[in-house]
Amino acid sequence: MMKNDLSSGSLWNKAGQAGLVLGAATIAFTFVGGLCGGVSGFGGRLLSTLVTLAKLAACVWILRRFLLKLKEDFPDAGYKALHGYGMRTTLCSSLLVAAYALVPFLIDGDETARLARASAEEAFSQFGMALDANTQAALETTLNNLPVISFFSMFLYCLLWGWVLTSAFSRQICPPDPFAGPDGDNLPN
């Protein structure tokens, strides 16, 4: 029997489960995309692009499905509850995906840093620029902070996407009531 309670605790519980599913799907597609990136030539790039597009479509569909499911389970849920649930789901999913972004540093941080250094040096050489002492010091500082930068940039990227999608889907599923009070209800104060 379903409990018709839509408290903050139950929203967090449902959002944690939904975030786990959404994050796992994102990680699975990212992993497959990384494997496809190892294939050389045009076919590899095409396959990697198709996997990236499939990841985007799947994540959008999953988030929308979870929002629709909440509205189906709790017909009285308003825009505020739906949006809060979507943001909680996005937060949980973003943390999981950002933690996955740390995996290369945890497995072989020295090799990852070496590849990043080689990539930066190649980028500078393509523009005909040599690395002076100041640029090398800045590059070393950045490479030393690369795991933290990777975690937070991935976290913010996923959270921003989730916020945009949650806002759009919440408005579509349950438009906000312009006459609602500060708590989202129409009751007189």
C-alpha atoms as a PDB file:
ATOM      1  CA  MET A   1       0.000   0.000   0.000  1.00  0.00           C
ATOM      2  CA  MET A   2       1.411   3.374  -1.009  1.00  0.00           C
ATOM      3  CA  LYS A   3       1.708   6.019   1.604  1.00  0.00           C
ATOM      4  CA  ASN A   4       0.373   9.374   0.409  1.00  0.00           C
ATOM      5  CA  ASP A   5       3.011  11.287   2.309  1.00  0.00           C
ATOM      6  CA  LEU A   6       5.199  13.580   0.248  1.00  0.00           C
ATOM      7  CA  SER A   7       7.452  14.829   3.028  1.00  0.00           C
ATOM      8  CA  SER A   8      10.986  16.072   2.541  1.00  0.00           C
ATOM      9  CA  GLY A   9      12.347  12.777   3.832  1.00  0.00           C
ATOM     10  CA  SER A  10      10.336  10.686   1.396  1.00  0.00           C
ATOM     11  CA  LEU A  11      11.345  13.006  -1.463  1.00  0.00           C
ATOM     12  CA  TRP A  12      15.018  12.554  -0.532  1.00  0.00           C
ATOM     13  CA  ASN A  13      14.561   8.783  -0.370  1.00  0.00           C
ATOM     14  CA  LYS A  14      12.890   8.622  -3.789  1.00  0.00           C
ATOM     15  CA  ALA A  15      15.372  11.113  -5.250  1.00  0.00           C
ATOM     16  CA  GLY A  16      18.328   9.105  -3.953  1.00  0.00           C
ATOM     17  CA  GLN A  17      17.048   5.993  -5.683  1.00  0.00           C
ATOM     18  CA  ALA A  18      16.276   7.889  -8.886  1.00  0.00           C
ATOM     19  CA  GLY A  19      19.656   9.637  -8.761  1.00  0.00           C
ATOM     20  CA  LEU A  20      21.378   6.275  -8.435  1.00  0.00           C
ATOM     21  CA  VAL A  21      19.620   4.984 -11.558  1.00  0.00           C
ATOM     22  CA  LEU A  22      20.273   8.197 -13.510  1.00  0.00           C
ATOM     23  CA  GLY A  23      23.920   8.314 -12.432  1.00  0.00           C
ATOM     24  CA  ALA A  24      24.466   4.633 -13.251  1.00  0.00           C
ATOM     25  CA  ALA A  25      23.009   5.136 -16.728  1.00  0.00           C
ATOM     26  CA  THR A  26      25.233   8.168 -17.303  1.00  0.00           C
ATOM     27  CA  ILE A  27      28.309   6.278 -16.127  1.00  0.00           C
ATOM     28  CA  ALA A  28      27.474   3.252 -18.292  1.00  0.00           C
ATOM     29  CA  PHE A  29      27.134   5.392 -21.421  1.00  0.00           C
ATOM     30  CA  THR A  30      30.300   7.311 -20.525  1.00  0.00           C
ATOM     31  CA  PHE A  31      32.200   4.047 -20.118  1.00  0.00           C
ATOM     32  CA  VAL A  32      30.953   2.709 -23.467  1.00  0.00           C
ATOM     33  CA  GLY A  33      31.787   6.049 -25.078  1.00  0.00           C
ATOM     34  CA  GLY A  34      35.319   5.797 -23.696  1.00  0.00           C
ATOM     35  CA  LEU A  35      35.672   2.333 -25.198  1.00  0.00           C
ATOM     36  CA  CYS A  36      34.413   3.630 -28.548  1.00  0.00           C
ATOM     37  CA  GLY A  37      36.890   6.513 -28.333  1.00  0.00           C
ATOM     38  CA  GLY A  38      39.685   3.942 -28.505  1.00  0.00           C
ATOM     39  CA  VAL A  39      38.600   2.958 -32.014  1.00  0.00           C
ATOM     40  CA  SER A  40      40.652   4.957 -34.496  1.00  0.00           C
ATOM     41  CA  GLY A  41      39.490   6.680 -37.628  1.00  0.00           C
ATOM     42  CA  PHE A  42      36.211   8.151 -38.750  1.00  0.00           C
ATOM     43  CA  GLY A  43      34.227   5.120 -37.603  1.00  0.00           C
ATOM     44  CA  GLY A  44      35.490   5.518 -34.047  1.00  0.00           C
ATOM     45  CA  ARG A  45      34.628   9.205 -33.925  1.00  0.00           C
ATOM     46  CA  LEU A  46      31.195   8.523 -35.390  1.00  0.00           C
ATOM     47  CA  LEU A  47      30.532   5.729 -32.920  1.00  0.00           C
ATOM     48  CA  SER A  48      31.690   7.885 -30.010  1.00  0.00           C
ATOM     49  CA  THR A  49      29.419  10.723 -31.145  1.00  0.00           C
ATOM     50  CA  LEU A  50      26.441   8.383 -31.461  1.00  0.00           C
ATOM     51  CA  VAL A  51      27.039   7.003 -27.954  1.00  0.00           C
ATOM     52  CA  THR A  52      27.268  10.550 -26.579  1.00  0.00           C
ATOM     53  CA  LEU A  53      23.976  11.488 -28.239  1.00  0.00           C
ATOM     54  CA  ALA A  54      22.381   8.288 -26.937  1.00  0.00           C
ATOM     55  CA  LYS A  55      23.638   9.136 -23.422  1.00  0.00           C
ATOM     56  CA  LEU A  56      22.096  12.584 -23.612  1.00  0.00           C
ATOM     57  CA  ALA A  57      18.774  11.248 -24.894  1.00  0.00           C
ATOM     58  CA  ALA A  58      18.661   8.449 -22.314  1.00  0.00           C
ATOM     59  CA  CYS A  59      19.428  10.772 -19.394  1.00  0.00           C
ATOM     60  CA  VAL A  60      16.780  13.272 -20.493  1.00  0.00           C
ATOM     61  CA  TRP A  61      14.231  10.468 -20.899  1.00  0.00           C
ATOM     62  CA  ILE A  62      15.091   8.904 -17.503  1.00  0.00           C
ATOM     63  CA  LEU A  63      14.791  12.199 -15.624  1.00  0.00           C
ATOM     64  CA  ARG A  64      11.487  13.019 -17.320  1.00  0.00           C
ATOM     65  CA  ARG A  65      10.189   9.527 -16.577  1.00  0.00           C
ATOM     66  CA  PHE A  66      11.011   9.864 -12.874  1.00  0.00           C
ATOM     67  CA  LEU A  67       9.232  13.222 -12.697  1.00  0.00           C
ATOM     68  CA  LEU A  68       6.167  11.783 -14.445  1.00  0.00           C
ATOM     69  CA  LYS A  69       6.218   8.776 -12.103  1.00  0.00           C
ATOM     70  CA  LEU A  70       6.232  11.043  -9.032  1.00  0.00           C
ATOM     71  CA  LYS A  71       3.251  12.984 -10.403  1.00  0.00           C
ATOM     72  CA  GLU A  72       1.478   9.703 -11.163  1.00  0.00           C
ATOM     73  CA  ASP A  73       2.128   8.348  -7.648  1.00  0.00           C
ATOM     74  CA  PHE A  74       1.216  11.654  -5.980  1.00  0.00           C
ATOM     75  CA  PRO A  75      -1.431  13.427  -8.114  1.00  0.00           C
ATOM     76  CA  ASP A  76      -1.639  16.265  -5.563  1.00  0.00           C
ATOM     77  CA  ALA A  77       2.057  17.063  -5.933  1.00  0.00           C
ATOM     78  CA  GLY A  78       2.508  20.584  -7.208  1.00  0.00           C
ATOM     79  CA  TYR A  79       5.201  22.313  -9.183  1.00  0.00           C
ATOM     80  CA  LYS A  80       7.263  23.023  -6.069  1.00  0.00           C
ATOM     81  CA  ALA A  81       7.337  19.359  -4.986  1.00  0.00           C
ATOM     82  CA  LEU A  82       8.108  18.171  -8.512  1.00  0.00           C
ATOM     83  CA  HIS A  83      10.900  20.675  -8.969  1.00  0.00           C
ATOM     84  CA  GLY A  84      12.357  19.868  -5.556  1.00  0.00           C
ATOM     85  CA  TYR A  85      12.303  16.161  -6.339  1.00  0.00           C
ATOM     86  CA  GLY A  86      14.007  16.745  -9.693  1.00  0.00           C
ATOM     87  CA  MET A  87      16.725  18.866  -8.111  1.00  0.00           C
ATOM     88  CA  ARG A  88      17.329  16.279  -5.391  1.00  0.00           C
ATOM     89  CA  THR A  89      17.561  13.566  -8.055  1.00  0.00           C
ATOM     90  CA  THR A  90      19.955  15.687 -10.066  1.00  0.00           C
ATOM     91  CA  LEU A  91      22.100  16.397  -7.008  1.00  0.00           C
ATOM     92  CA  CYS A  92      22.431  12.694  -6.166  1.00  0.00           C
ATOM     93  CA  SER A  93      23.153  11.771  -9.773  1.00  0.00           C
ATOM     94  CA  SER A  94      25.689  14.598 -10.171  1.00  0.00           C
ATOM     95  CA  LEU A  95      27.621  13.463  -7.104  1.00  0.00           C
ATOM     96  CA  LEU A  96      27.799   9.911  -8.453  1.00  0.00           C
ATOM     97  CA  VAL A  97      28.944  10.984 -11.928  1.00  0.00           C
ATOM     98  CA  ALA A  98      31.496  13.427 -10.486  1.00  0.00           C
ATOM     99  CA  ALA A  99      32.890  10.653  -8.295  1.00  0.00           C
ATOM    100  CA  TYR A 100      33.232   8.511 -11.420  1.00  0.00           C
ATOM    101  CA  ALA A 101      35.233  11.344 -13.017  1.00  0.00           C
ATOM    102  CA  LEU A 102      37.832  10.786 -10.278  1.00  0.00           C
ATOM    103  CA  VAL A 103      38.397   7.141 -11.251  1.00  0.00           C
ATOM    104  CA  PRO A 104      41.263   7.812 -13.713  1.00  0.00           C
ATOM    105  CA  PHE A 105      43.115   9.759 -11.007  1.00  0.00           C
ATOM    106  CA  LEU A 106      42.555   7.052  -8.413  1.00  0.00           C
ATOM    107  CA  ILE A 107      43.677   4.252 -10.717  1.00  0.00           C
ATOM    108  CA  ASP A 108      46.710   5.921 -12.287  1.00  0.00           C
ATOM    109  CA  GLY A 109      46.979   9.587 -11.394  1.00  0.00           C
ATOM    110  CA  ASP A 110      50.575   9.970 -12.601  1.00  0.00           C
ATOM    111  CA  GLU A 111      49.760   8.695 -16.091  1.00  0.00           C
ATOM    112  CA  THR A 112      46.647  10.880 -16.289  1.00  0.00           C
ATOM    113  CA  ALA A 113      48.672  13.933 -15.257  1.00  0.00           C
ATOM    114  CA  ARG A 114      51.401  13.048 -17.790  1.00  0.00           C
ATOM    115  CA  LEU A 115      48.823  12.812 -20.585  1.00  0.00           C
ATOM    116  CA  ALA A 116      47.269  16.137 -19.539  1.00  0.00           C
ATOM    117  CA  ARG A 117      50.714  17.779 -19.534  1.00  0.00           C
ATOM    118  CA  ALA A 118      51.516  16.383 -22.996  1.00  0.00           C
ATOM    119  CA  SER A 119      48.164  17.599 -24.296  1.00  0.00           C
ATOM    120  CA  ALA A 120      48.713  21.112 -22.901  1.00  0.00           C
ATOM    121  CA  GLU A 121      52.238  21.297 -24.311  1.00  0.00           C
ATOM    122  CA  GLU A 122      50.959  20.151 -27.707  1.00  0.00           C
ATOM    123  CA  ALA A 123      48.235  22.809 -27.643  1.00  0.00           C
ATOM    124  CA  PHE A 124      50.795  25.511 -26.914  1.00  0.00           C
ATOM    125  CA  SER A 125      53.142  24.255 -29.653  1.00  0.00           C
ATOM    126  CA  GLN A 126      50.326  24.299 -32.234  1.00  0.00           C
ATOM    127  CA  PHE A 127      50.070  28.052 -31.682  1.00  0.00           C
ATOM    128  CA  GLY A 128      53.852  28.392 -31.922  1.00  0.00           C
ATOM    129  CA  MET A 129      54.186  29.285 -28.251  1.00  0.00           C
ATOM    130  CA  ALA A 130      56.883  27.989 -25.941  1.00  0.00           C
ATOM    131  CA  LEU A 131      56.214  27.338 -22.274  1.00  0.00           C
ATOM    132  CA  ASP A 132      58.010  29.972 -20.229  1.00  0.00           C
ATOM    133  CA  ALA A 133      58.700  29.594 -16.499  1.00  0.00           C
ATOM    134  CA  ASN A 134      55.448  31.289 -15.433  1.00  0.00           C
ATOM    135  CA  THR A 135      53.327  29.163 -17.747  1.00  0.00           C
ATOM    136  CA  GLN A 136      55.089  25.987 -16.594  1.00  0.00           C
ATOM    137  CA  ALA A 137      54.470  26.928 -12.932  1.00  0.00           C
ATOM    138  CA  ALA A 138      50.782  27.603 -13.653  1.00  0.00           C
ATOM    139  CA  LEU A 139      50.532  24.321 -15.544  1.00  0.00           C
ATOM    140  CA  GLU A 140      52.087  22.425 -12.615  1.00  0.00           C
ATOM    141  CA  THR A 141      49.663  24.048 -10.174  1.00  0.00           C
ATOM    142  CA  THR A 142      46.739  23.132 -12.400  1.00  0.00           C
ATOM    143  CA  LEU A 143      47.953  19.551 -12.839  1.00  0.00           C
ATOM    144  CA  ASN A 144      48.372  19.173  -9.081  1.00  0.00           C
ATOM    145  CA  ASN A 145      44.740  20.244  -8.625  1.00  0.00           C
ATOM    146  CA  LEU A 146      43.398  18.261 -11.580  1.00  0.00           C
ATOM    147  CA  PRO A 147      41.439  15.690  -9.504  1.00  0.00           C
ATOM    148  CA  VAL A 148      39.616  18.456  -7.608  1.00  0.00           C
ATOM    149  CA  ILE A 149      39.042  20.439 -10.791  1.00  0.00           C
ATOM    150  CA  SER A 150      37.740  17.325 -12.534  1.00  0.00           C
ATOM    151  CA  PHE A 151      35.340  16.484  -9.704  1.00  0.00           C
ATOM    152  CA  PHE A 152      33.838  19.944  -9.318  1.00  0.00           C
ATOM    153  CA  SER A 153      33.637  20.743 -13.028  1.00  0.00           C
ATOM    154  CA  MET A 154      31.795  17.469 -13.709  1.00  0.00           C
ATOM    155  CA  PHE A 155      29.554  18.010 -10.685  1.00  0.00           C
ATOM    156  CA  LEU A 156      28.604  21.543 -11.781  1.00  0.00           C
ATOM    157  CA  TYR A 157      28.139  20.467 -15.403  1.00  0.00           C
ATOM    158  CA  CYS A 158      25.700  17.684 -14.440  1.00  0.00           C
ATOM    159  CA  LEU A 159      23.931  19.847 -11.869  1.00  0.00           C
ATOM    160  CA  LEU A 160      23.427  22.651 -14.398  1.00  0.00           C
ATOM    161  CA  TRP A 161      21.989  20.245 -16.974  1.00  0.00           C
ATOM    162  CA  GLY A 162      19.730  18.751 -14.333  1.00  0.00           C
ATOM    163  CA  TRP A 163      18.528  22.149 -13.183  1.00  0.00           C
ATOM    164  CA  VAL A 164      17.605  23.214 -16.725  1.00  0.00           C
ATOM    165  CA  LEU A 165      15.845  19.937 -17.495  1.00  0.00           C
ATOM    166  CA  THR A 166      14.082  19.765 -14.130  1.00  0.00           C
ATOM    167  CA  SER A 167      12.808  23.313 -14.507  1.00  0.00           C
ATOM    168  CA  ALA A 168      11.529  22.647 -18.026  1.00  0.00           C
ATOM    169  CA  PHE A 169       9.910  19.292 -17.248  1.00  0.00           C
ATOM    170  CA  SER A 170       8.383  20.440 -13.961  1.00  0.00           C
ATOM    171  CA  ARG A 171       6.715  23.371 -15.720  1.00  0.00           C
ATOM    172  CA  GLN A 172       5.475  21.069 -18.469  1.00  0.00           C
ATOM    173  CA  ILE A 173       4.124  18.370 -16.126  1.00  0.00           C
ATOM    174  CA  CYS A 174       2.682  20.674 -13.464  1.00  0.00           C
ATOM    175  CA  PRO A 175       2.651  24.373 -14.359  1.00  0.00           C
ATOM    176  CA  PRO A 176       3.183  26.621 -11.336  1.00  0.00           C
ATOM    177  CA  ASP A 177       0.109  28.368  -9.988  1.00  0.00           C
ATOM    178  CA  PRO A 178       0.610  32.148 -10.246  1.00  0.00           C
ATOM    179  CA  PHE A 179      -1.893  32.647  -7.413  1.00  0.00           C
ATOM    180  CA  ALA A 180      -0.200  30.255  -4.987  1.00  0.00           C
ATOM    181  CA  GLY A 181       1.125  31.540  -1.716  1.00  0.00           C
ATOM    182  CA  PRO A 182       4.770  31.309  -0.642  1.00  0.00           C
ATOM    183  CA  ASP A 183       4.308  27.658   0.359  1.00  0.00           C
ATOM    184  CA  GLY A 184       2.828  26.758  -3.027  1.00  0.00           C
ATOM    185  CA  ASP A 185      -0.774  26.501  -1.867  1.00  0.00           C
ATOM    186  CA  ASN A 186      -3.876  28.555  -2.612  1.00  0.00           C
ATOM    187  CA  LEU A 187      -5.043  28.828   0.975  1.00  0.00           C
ATOM    188  CA  PRO A 188      -5.678  32.310   2.356  1.00  0.00           C
ATOM    189  CA  ASN A 189      -3.163  33.487   4.926  1.00  0.00           C
END
